[in-house]
Amino acid sequence: MENLKIIERLESEVAALKQQLFVDREGAKAQILAAENVQKDLRREITKLKKEICELRQDNRKLSQQVEDSIDRMRKAGVI
């Protein structure tokens, strides 16, 4: 009789642990999904920023060349 009570108590504990494991696993899945979504957003932002950096570097090169050309014209004109 006492063994039956112990078995029932242990089965109840096992069932409770299985339920908690399920809840914890589902919570972990939700956190992983959220983290993956953040990661995707960050990758998109990084790609956008890399493109912007490339465009800024190109603009910088063009502006630098324009400044050099202007300085050369001023030198040839005797202004500087």
PDB file of N, CA and C in Angstrom:
ATOM      1  N   MET A   1       0.817  -1.176   0.000  1.00  0.00           N
ATOM      2  CA  MET A   1       0.000   0.000   0.000  1.00  0.00           C
ATOM      3  C   MET A   1       0.875   1.259   0.000  1.00  0.00           C
ATOM      4  N   GLU A   2       1.876   1.259   0.870  1.00  0.00           N
ATOM      5  CA  GLU A   2       2.764   2.410   0.961  1.00  0.00           C
ATOM      6  C   GLU A   2       3.566   2.570  -0.331  1.00  0.00           C
ATOM      7  N   ASN A   3       3.966   1.467  -0.937  1.00  0.00           N
ATOM      8  CA  ASN A   3       4.707   1.535  -2.204  1.00  0.00           C
ATOM      9  C   ASN A   3       3.846   2.137  -3.302  1.00  0.00           C
ATOM     10  N   LEU A   4       2.562   1.840  -3.294  1.00  0.00           N
ATOM     11  CA  LEU A   4       1.645   2.386  -4.282  1.00  0.00           C
ATOM     12  C   LEU A   4       1.550   3.907  -4.151  1.00  0.00           C
ATOM     13  N   LYS A   5       1.516   4.405  -2.931  1.00  0.00           N
ATOM     14  CA  LYS A   5       1.471   5.852  -2.690  1.00  0.00           C
ATOM     15  C   LYS A   5       2.754   6.517  -3.175  1.00  0.00           C
ATOM     16  N   ILE A   6       3.865   5.867  -2.908  1.00  0.00           N
ATOM     17  CA  ILE A   6       5.163   6.409  -3.362  1.00  0.00           C
ATOM     18  C   ILE A   6       5.209   6.456  -4.879  1.00  0.00           C
ATOM     19  N   ILE A   7       4.760   5.383  -5.511  1.00  0.00           N
ATOM     20  CA  ILE A   7       4.754   5.326  -6.980  1.00  0.00           C
ATOM     21  C   ILE A   7       3.849   6.415  -7.538  1.00  0.00           C
ATOM     22  N   GLU A   8       2.659   6.591  -6.962  1.00  0.00           N
ATOM     23  CA  GLU A   8       1.739   7.627  -7.438  1.00  0.00           C
ATOM     24  C   GLU A   8       2.327   9.018  -7.252  1.00  0.00           C
ATOM     25  N   ARG A   9       2.979   9.235  -6.105  1.00  0.00           N
ATOM     26  CA  ARG A   9       3.611  10.533  -5.857  1.00  0.00           C
ATOM     27  C   ARG A   9       4.727  10.786  -6.868  1.00  0.00           C
ATOM     28  N   LEU A  10       5.540   9.776  -7.118  1.00  0.00           N
ATOM     29  CA  LEU A  10       6.640   9.913  -8.069  1.00  0.00           C
ATOM     30  C   LEU A  10       6.111  10.128  -9.492  1.00  0.00           C
ATOM     31  N   GLU A  11       5.050   9.416  -9.844  1.00  0.00           N
ATOM     32  CA  GLU A  11       4.451   9.611 -11.172  1.00  0.00           C
ATOM     33  C   GLU A  11       3.909  11.024 -11.307  1.00  0.00           C
ATOM     34  N   SER A  12       3.328  11.532 -10.231  1.00  0.00           N
ATOM     35  CA  SER A  12       2.829  12.899 -10.242  1.00  0.00           C
ATOM     36  C   SER A  12       3.972  13.897 -10.408  1.00  0.00           C
ATOM     37  N   GLU A  13       5.086  13.645  -9.704  1.00  0.00           N
ATOM     38  CA  GLU A  13       6.257  14.521  -9.831  1.00  0.00           C
ATOM     39  C   GLU A  13       6.835  14.459 -11.237  1.00  0.00           C
ATOM     40  N   VAL A  14       6.876  13.264 -11.802  1.00  0.00           N
ATOM     41  CA  VAL A  14       7.388  13.098 -13.168  1.00  0.00           C
ATOM     42  C   VAL A  14       6.499  13.870 -14.141  1.00  0.00           C
ATOM     43  N   ALA A  15       5.195  13.763 -13.979  1.00  0.00           N
ATOM     44  CA  ALA A  15       4.265  14.482 -14.852  1.00  0.00           C
ATOM     45  C   ALA A  15       4.466  15.991 -14.715  1.00  0.00           C
ATOM     46  N   ALA A  16       4.640  16.468 -13.488  1.00  0.00           N
ATOM     47  CA  ALA A  16       4.867  17.897 -13.263  1.00  0.00           C
ATOM     48  C   ALA A  16       6.186  18.338 -13.900  1.00  0.00           C
ATOM     49  N   LEU A  17       7.214  17.517 -13.782  1.00  0.00           N
ATOM     50  CA  LEU A  17       8.506  17.847 -14.391  1.00  0.00           C
ATOM     51  C   LEU A  17       8.411  17.860 -15.914  1.00  0.00           C
ATOM     52  N   LYS A  18       7.672  16.917 -16.475  1.00  0.00           N
ATOM     53  CA  LYS A  18       7.492  16.893 -17.926  1.00  0.00           C
ATOM     54  C   LYS A  18       6.766  18.147 -18.389  1.00  0.00           C
ATOM     55  N   GLN A  19       5.754  18.552 -17.638  1.00  0.00           N
ATOM     56  CA  GLN A  19       5.023  19.767 -17.986  1.00  0.00           C
ATOM     57  C   GLN A  19       5.931  20.997 -17.912  1.00  0.00           C
ATOM     58  N   GLN A  20       6.740  21.061 -16.850  1.00  0.00           N
ATOM     59  CA  GLN A  20       7.660  22.190 -16.706  1.00  0.00           C
ATOM     60  C   GLN A  20       8.695  22.187 -17.824  1.00  0.00           C
ATOM     61  N   LEU A  21       9.161  21.016 -18.201  1.00  0.00           N
ATOM     62  CA  LEU A  21      10.119  20.900 -19.296  1.00  0.00           C
ATOM     63  C   LEU A  21       9.500  21.404 -20.598  1.00  0.00           C
ATOM     64  N   PHE A  22       8.242  21.030 -20.825  1.00  0.00           N
ATOM     65  CA  PHE A  22       7.548  21.488 -22.022  1.00  0.00           C
ATOM     66  C   PHE A  22       7.442  23.018 -22.029  1.00  0.00           C
ATOM     67  N   VAL A  23       7.038  23.577 -20.905  1.00  0.00           N
ATOM     68  CA  VAL A  23       6.898  25.032 -20.791  1.00  0.00           C
ATOM     69  C   VAL A  23       8.252  25.710 -21.010  1.00  0.00           C
ATOM     70  N   ASP A  24       9.292  25.184 -20.380  1.00  0.00           N
ATOM     71  CA  ASP A  24      10.629  25.757 -20.529  1.00  0.00           C
ATOM     72  C   ASP A  24      11.108  25.651 -21.974  1.00  0.00           C
ATOM     73  N   ARG A  25      10.852  24.522 -22.604  1.00  0.00           N
ATOM     74  CA  ARG A  25      11.288  24.312 -23.989  1.00  0.00           C
ATOM     75  C   ARG A  25      10.571  25.289 -24.920  1.00  0.00           C
ATOM     76  N   GLU A  26       9.267  25.472 -24.709  1.00  0.00           N
ATOM     77  CA  GLU A  26       8.512  26.406 -25.540  1.00  0.00           C
ATOM     78  C   GLU A  26       9.012  27.842 -25.328  1.00  0.00           C
ATOM     79  N   GLY A  27       9.326  28.171 -24.090  1.00  0.00           N
ATOM     80  CA  GLY A  27       9.876  29.496 -23.810  1.00  0.00           C
ATOM     81  C   GLY A  27      11.214  29.692 -24.498  1.00  0.00           C
ATOM     82  N   ALA A  28      12.040  28.668 -24.475  1.00  0.00           N
ATOM     83  CA  ALA A  28      13.347  28.745 -25.128  1.00  0.00           C
ATOM     84  C   ALA A  28      13.179  28.890 -26.639  1.00  0.00           C
ATOM     85  N   LYS A  29      12.216  28.167 -27.205  1.00  0.00           N
ATOM     86  CA  LYS A  29      11.966  28.286 -28.644  1.00  0.00           C
ATOM     87  C   LYS A  29      11.551  29.710 -28.997  1.00  0.00           C
ATOM     88  N   ALA A  30      10.709  30.296 -28.171  1.00  0.00           N
ATOM     89  CA  ALA A  30      10.264  31.673 -28.421  1.00  0.00           C
ATOM     90  C   ALA A  30      11.439  32.643 -28.331  1.00  0.00           C
ATOM     91  N   GLN A  31      12.309  32.441 -27.358  1.00  0.00           N
ATOM     92  CA  GLN A  31      13.474  33.316 -27.218  1.00  0.00           C
ATOM     93  C   GLN A  31      14.420  33.168 -28.401  1.00  0.00           C
ATOM     94  N   ILE A  32      14.597  31.943 -28.866  1.00  0.00           N
ATOM     95  CA  ILE A  32      15.467  31.702 -30.024  1.00  0.00           C
ATOM     96  C   ILE A  32      14.895  32.383 -31.255  1.00  0.00           C
ATOM     97  N   LEU A  33      13.591  32.252 -31.450  1.00  0.00           N
ATOM     98  CA  LEU A  33      12.944  32.893 -32.595  1.00  0.00           C
ATOM     99  C   LEU A  33      13.104  34.411 -32.532  1.00  0.00           C
ATOM    100  N   ALA A  34      12.900  34.969 -31.359  1.00  0.00           N
ATOM    101  CA  ALA A  34      13.060  36.415 -31.186  1.00  0.00           C
ATOM    102  C   ALA A  34      14.504  36.829 -31.479  1.00  0.00           C
ATOM    103  N   ALA A  35      15.459  36.060 -30.987  1.00  0.00           N
ATOM    104  CA  ALA A  35      16.875  36.366 -31.223  1.00  0.00           C
ATOM    105  C   ALA A  35      17.212  36.265 -32.708  1.00  0.00           C
ATOM    106  N   GLU A  36      16.651  35.272 -33.386  1.00  0.00           N
ATOM    107  CA  GLU A  36      16.900  35.132 -34.824  1.00  0.00           C
ATOM    108  C   GLU A  36      16.321  36.321 -35.587  1.00  0.00           C
ATOM    109  N   ASN A  37      15.160  36.802 -35.171  1.00  0.00           N
ATOM    110  CA  ASN A  37      14.564  37.970 -35.821  1.00  0.00           C
ATOM    111  C   ASN A  37      15.417  39.212 -35.609  1.00  0.00           C
ATOM    112  N   VAL A  38      15.930  39.380 -34.401  1.00  0.00           N
ATOM    113  CA  VAL A  38      16.825  40.509 -34.117  1.00  0.00           C
ATOM    114  C   VAL A  38      18.081  40.398 -34.971  1.00  0.00           C
ATOM    115  N   GLN A  39      18.604  39.177 -35.068  1.00  0.00           N
ATOM    116  CA  GLN A  39      19.812  38.955 -35.864  1.00  0.00           C
ATOM    117  C   GLN A  39      19.566  39.318 -37.333  1.00  0.00           C
ATOM    118  N   LYS A  40      18.415  38.925 -37.870  1.00  0.00           N
ATOM    119  CA  LYS A  40      18.090  39.273 -39.260  1.00  0.00           C
ATOM    120  C   LYS A  40      18.021  40.786 -39.433  1.00  0.00           C
ATOM    121  N   ASP A  41      17.365  41.446 -38.488  1.00  0.00           N
ATOM    122  CA  ASP A  41      17.266  42.912 -38.557  1.00  0.00           C
ATOM    123  C   ASP A  41      18.640  43.560 -38.507  1.00  0.00           C
ATOM    124  N   LEU A  42      19.499  43.044 -37.621  1.00  0.00           N
ATOM    125  CA  LEU A  42      20.847  43.603 -37.500  1.00  0.00           C
ATOM    126  C   LEU A  42      21.665  43.357 -38.756  1.00  0.00           C
ATOM    127  N   ARG A  43      21.516  42.189 -39.351  1.00  0.00           N
ATOM    128  CA  ARG A  43      22.239  41.921 -40.601  1.00  0.00           C
ATOM    129  C   ARG A  43      21.794  42.857 -41.713  1.00  0.00           C
ATOM    130  N   ARG A  44      20.472  43.107 -41.782  1.00  0.00           N
ATOM    131  CA  ARG A  44      19.970  44.060 -42.782  1.00  0.00           C
ATOM    132  C   ARG A  44      20.556  45.450 -42.536  1.00  0.00           C
ATOM    133  N   GLU A  45      20.589  45.852 -41.279  1.00  0.00           N
ATOM    134  CA  GLU A  45      21.122  47.169 -40.928  1.00  0.00           C
ATOM    135  C   GLU A  45      22.613  47.252 -41.251  1.00  0.00           C
ATOM    136  N   ILE A  46      23.357  46.194 -40.972  1.00  0.00           N
ATOM    137  CA  ILE A  46      24.790  46.167 -41.278  1.00  0.00           C
ATOM    138  C   ILE A  46      25.005  46.288 -42.777  1.00  0.00           C
ATOM    139  N   THR A  47      24.216  45.543 -43.558  1.00  0.00           N
ATOM    140  CA  THR A  47      24.332  45.616 -45.014  1.00  0.00           C
ATOM    141  C   THR A  47      24.048  47.029 -45.507  1.00  0.00           C
ATOM    142  N   LYS A  48      23.008  47.641 -44.957  1.00  0.00           N
ATOM    143  CA  LYS A  48      22.655  49.013 -45.322  1.00  0.00           C
ATOM    144  C   LYS A  48      23.788  49.972 -44.978  1.00  0.00           C
ATOM    145  N   LEU A  49      24.368  49.813 -43.792  1.00  0.00           N
ATOM    146  CA  LEU A  49      25.452  50.703 -43.364  1.00  0.00           C
ATOM    147  C   LEU A  49      26.712  50.494 -44.202  1.00  0.00           C
ATOM    148  N   LYS A  50      27.000  49.249 -44.571  1.00  0.00           N
ATOM    149  CA  LYS A  50      28.165  48.991 -45.431  1.00  0.00           C
ATOM    150  C   LYS A  50      27.989  49.670 -46.782  1.00  0.00           C
ATOM    151  N   LYS A  51      26.773  49.592 -47.322  1.00  0.00           N
ATOM    152  CA  LYS A  51      26.489  50.248 -48.598  1.00  0.00           C
ATOM    153  C   LYS A  51      26.664  51.760 -48.462  1.00  0.00           C
ATOM    154  N   GLU A  52      26.154  52.290 -47.360  1.00  0.00           N
ATOM    155  CA  GLU A  52      26.274  53.727 -47.128  1.00  0.00           C
ATOM    156  C   GLU A  52      27.738  54.140 -47.007  1.00  0.00           C
ATOM    157  N   ILE A  53      28.540  53.335 -46.331  1.00  0.00           N
ATOM    158  CA  ILE A  53      29.972  53.632 -46.193  1.00  0.00           C
ATOM    159  C   ILE A  53      30.639  53.653 -47.567  1.00  0.00           C
ATOM    160  N   CYS A  54      30.307  52.670 -48.410  1.00  0.00           N
ATOM    161  CA  CYS A  54      30.884  52.631 -49.755  1.00  0.00           C
ATOM    162  C   CYS A  54      30.503  53.885 -50.549  1.00  0.00           C
ATOM    163  N   GLU A  55      29.224  54.280 -50.442  1.00  0.00           N
ATOM    164  CA  GLU A  55      28.781  55.484 -51.148  1.00  0.00           C
ATOM    165  C   GLU A  55      29.488  56.723 -50.625  1.00  0.00           C
ATOM    166  N   LEU A  56      29.654  56.811 -49.322  1.00  0.00           N
ATOM    167  CA  LEU A  56      30.350  57.965 -48.743  1.00  0.00           C
ATOM    168  C   LEU A  56      31.810  58.007 -49.167  1.00  0.00           C
ATOM    169  N   ARG A  57      32.442  56.855 -49.238  1.00  0.00           N
ATOM    170  CA  ARG A  57      33.846  56.818 -49.694  1.00  0.00           C
ATOM    171  C   ARG A  57      33.951  57.261 -51.141  1.00  0.00           C
ATOM    172  N   GLN A  58      33.015  56.811 -51.971  1.00  0.00           N
ATOM    173  CA  GLN A  58      33.025  57.236 -53.373  1.00  0.00           C
ATOM    174  C   GLN A  58      32.815  58.746 -53.471  1.00  0.00           C
ATOM    175  N   ASP A  59      31.854  59.247 -52.711  1.00  0.00           N
ATOM    176  CA  ASP A  59      31.613  60.693 -52.704  1.00  0.00           C
ATOM    177  C   ASP A  59      32.852  61.437 -52.223  1.00  0.00           C
ATOM    178  N   ASN A  60      33.512  60.902 -51.210  1.00  0.00           N
ATOM    179  CA  ASN A  60      34.715  61.532 -50.672  1.00  0.00           C
ATOM    180  C   ASN A  60      35.809  61.586 -51.736  1.00  0.00           C
ATOM    181  N   ARG A  61      35.971  60.492 -52.485  1.00  0.00           N
ATOM    182  CA  ARG A  61      36.984  60.477 -53.550  1.00  0.00           C
ATOM    183  C   ARG A  61      36.656  61.531 -54.610  1.00  0.00           C
ATOM    184  N   LYS A  62      35.391  61.614 -54.993  1.00  0.00           N
ATOM    185  CA  LYS A  62      34.984  62.591 -56.005  1.00  0.00           C
ATOM    186  C   LYS A  62      35.218  64.020 -55.521  1.00  0.00           C
ATOM    187  N   LEU A  63      34.827  64.276 -54.271  1.00  0.00           N
ATOM    188  CA  LEU A  63      35.035  65.620 -53.717  1.00  0.00           C
ATOM    189  C   LEU A  63      36.515  65.950 -53.616  1.00  0.00           C
ATOM    190  N   SER A  64      37.313  64.973 -53.211  1.00  0.00           N
ATOM    191  CA  SER A  64      38.757  65.184 -53.114  1.00  0.00           C
ATOM    192  C   SER A  64      39.331  65.537 -54.486  1.00  0.00           C
ATOM    193  N   GLN A  65      38.882  64.833 -55.510  1.00  0.00           N
ATOM    194  CA  GLN A  65      39.360  65.110 -56.863  1.00  0.00           C
ATOM    195  C   GLN A  65      38.917  66.497 -57.321  1.00  0.00           C
ATOM    196  N   GLN A  66      37.684  66.874 -56.978  1.00  0.00           N
ATOM    197  CA  GLN A  66      37.204  68.214 -57.342  1.00  0.00           C
ATOM    198  C   GLN A  66      38.031  69.295 -56.657  1.00  0.00           C
ATOM    199  N   VAL A  67      38.365  69.077 -55.381  1.00  0.00           N
ATOM    200  CA  VAL A  67      39.189  70.052 -54.652  1.00  0.00           C
ATOM    201  C   VAL A  67      40.563  70.153 -55.300  1.00  0.00           C
ATOM    202  N   GLU A  68      41.164  69.002 -55.626  1.00  0.00           N
ATOM    203  CA  GLU A  68      42.482  69.024 -56.274  1.00  0.00           C
ATOM    204  C   GLU A  68      42.418  69.742 -57.616  1.00  0.00           C
ATOM    205  N   ASP A  69      41.382  69.469 -58.384  1.00  0.00           N
ATOM    206  CA  ASP A  69      41.226  70.135 -59.683  1.00  0.00           C
ATOM    207  C   ASP A  69      41.080  71.648 -59.504  1.00  0.00           C
ATOM    208  N   SER A  70      40.291  72.061 -58.513  1.00  0.00           N
ATOM    209  CA  SER A  70      40.112  73.500 -58.256  1.00  0.00           C
ATOM    210  C   SER A  70      41.428  74.141 -57.848  1.00  0.00           C
ATOM    211  N   ILE A  71      42.186  73.475 -56.990  1.00  0.00           N
ATOM    212  CA  ILE A  71      43.483  74.010 -56.562  1.00  0.00           C
ATOM    213  C   ILE A  71      44.425  74.115 -57.744  1.00  0.00           C
ATOM    214  N   ASP A  72      44.437  73.088 -58.598  1.00  0.00           N
ATOM    215  CA  ASP A  72      45.303  73.129 -59.789  1.00  0.00           C
ATOM    216  C   ASP A  72      44.915  74.285 -60.703  1.00  0.00           C
ATOM    217  N   ARG A  73      43.611  74.518 -60.893  1.00  0.00           N
ATOM    218  CA  ARG A  73      43.182  75.631 -61.746  1.00  0.00           C
ATOM    219  C   ARG A  73      43.586  76.967 -61.122  1.00  0.00           C
ATOM    220  N   MET A  74      43.475  77.086 -59.808  1.00  0.00           N
ATOM    221  CA  MET A  74      43.851  78.349 -59.153  1.00  0.00           C
ATOM    222  C   MET A  74      45.363  78.555 -59.271  1.00  0.00           C
ATOM    223  N   ARG A  75      46.140  77.488 -59.168  1.00  0.00           N
ATOM    224  CA  ARG A  75      47.593  77.624 -59.332  1.00  0.00           C
ATOM    225  C   ARG A  75      47.952  78.079 -60.750  1.00  0.00           C
ATOM    226  N   LYS A  76      47.298  77.460 -61.721  1.00  0.00           N
ATOM    227  CA  LYS A  76      47.575  77.819 -63.117  1.00  0.00           C
ATOM    228  C   LYS A  76      47.153  79.258 -63.403  1.00  0.00           C
ATOM    229  N   ALA A  77      46.115  79.698 -62.723  1.00  0.00           N
ATOM    230  CA  ALA A  77      45.638  81.075 -62.925  1.00  0.00           C
ATOM    231  C   ALA A  77      46.471  82.067 -62.114  1.00  0.00           C
ATOM    232  N   GLY A  78      47.359  81.561 -61.248  1.00  0.00           N
ATOM    233  CA  GLY A  78      48.197  82.430 -60.448  1.00  0.00           C
ATOM    234  C   GLY A  78      47.526  82.958 -59.209  1.00  0.00           C
ATOM    235  N   VAL A  79      46.406  82.411 -58.853  1.00  0.00           N
ATOM    236  CA  VAL A  79      45.695  82.875 -57.668  1.00  0.00           C
ATOM    237  C   VAL A  79      46.422  82.409 -56.398  1.00  0.00           C
ATOM    238  N   ILE A  80      46.953  81.229 -56.440  1.00  0.00           N
ATOM    239  CA  ILE A  80      47.704  80.749 -55.264  1.00  0.00           C
ATOM    240  C   ILE A  80      49.084  80.263 -55.663  1.00  0.00           C
TER     241      ILE A  80
END
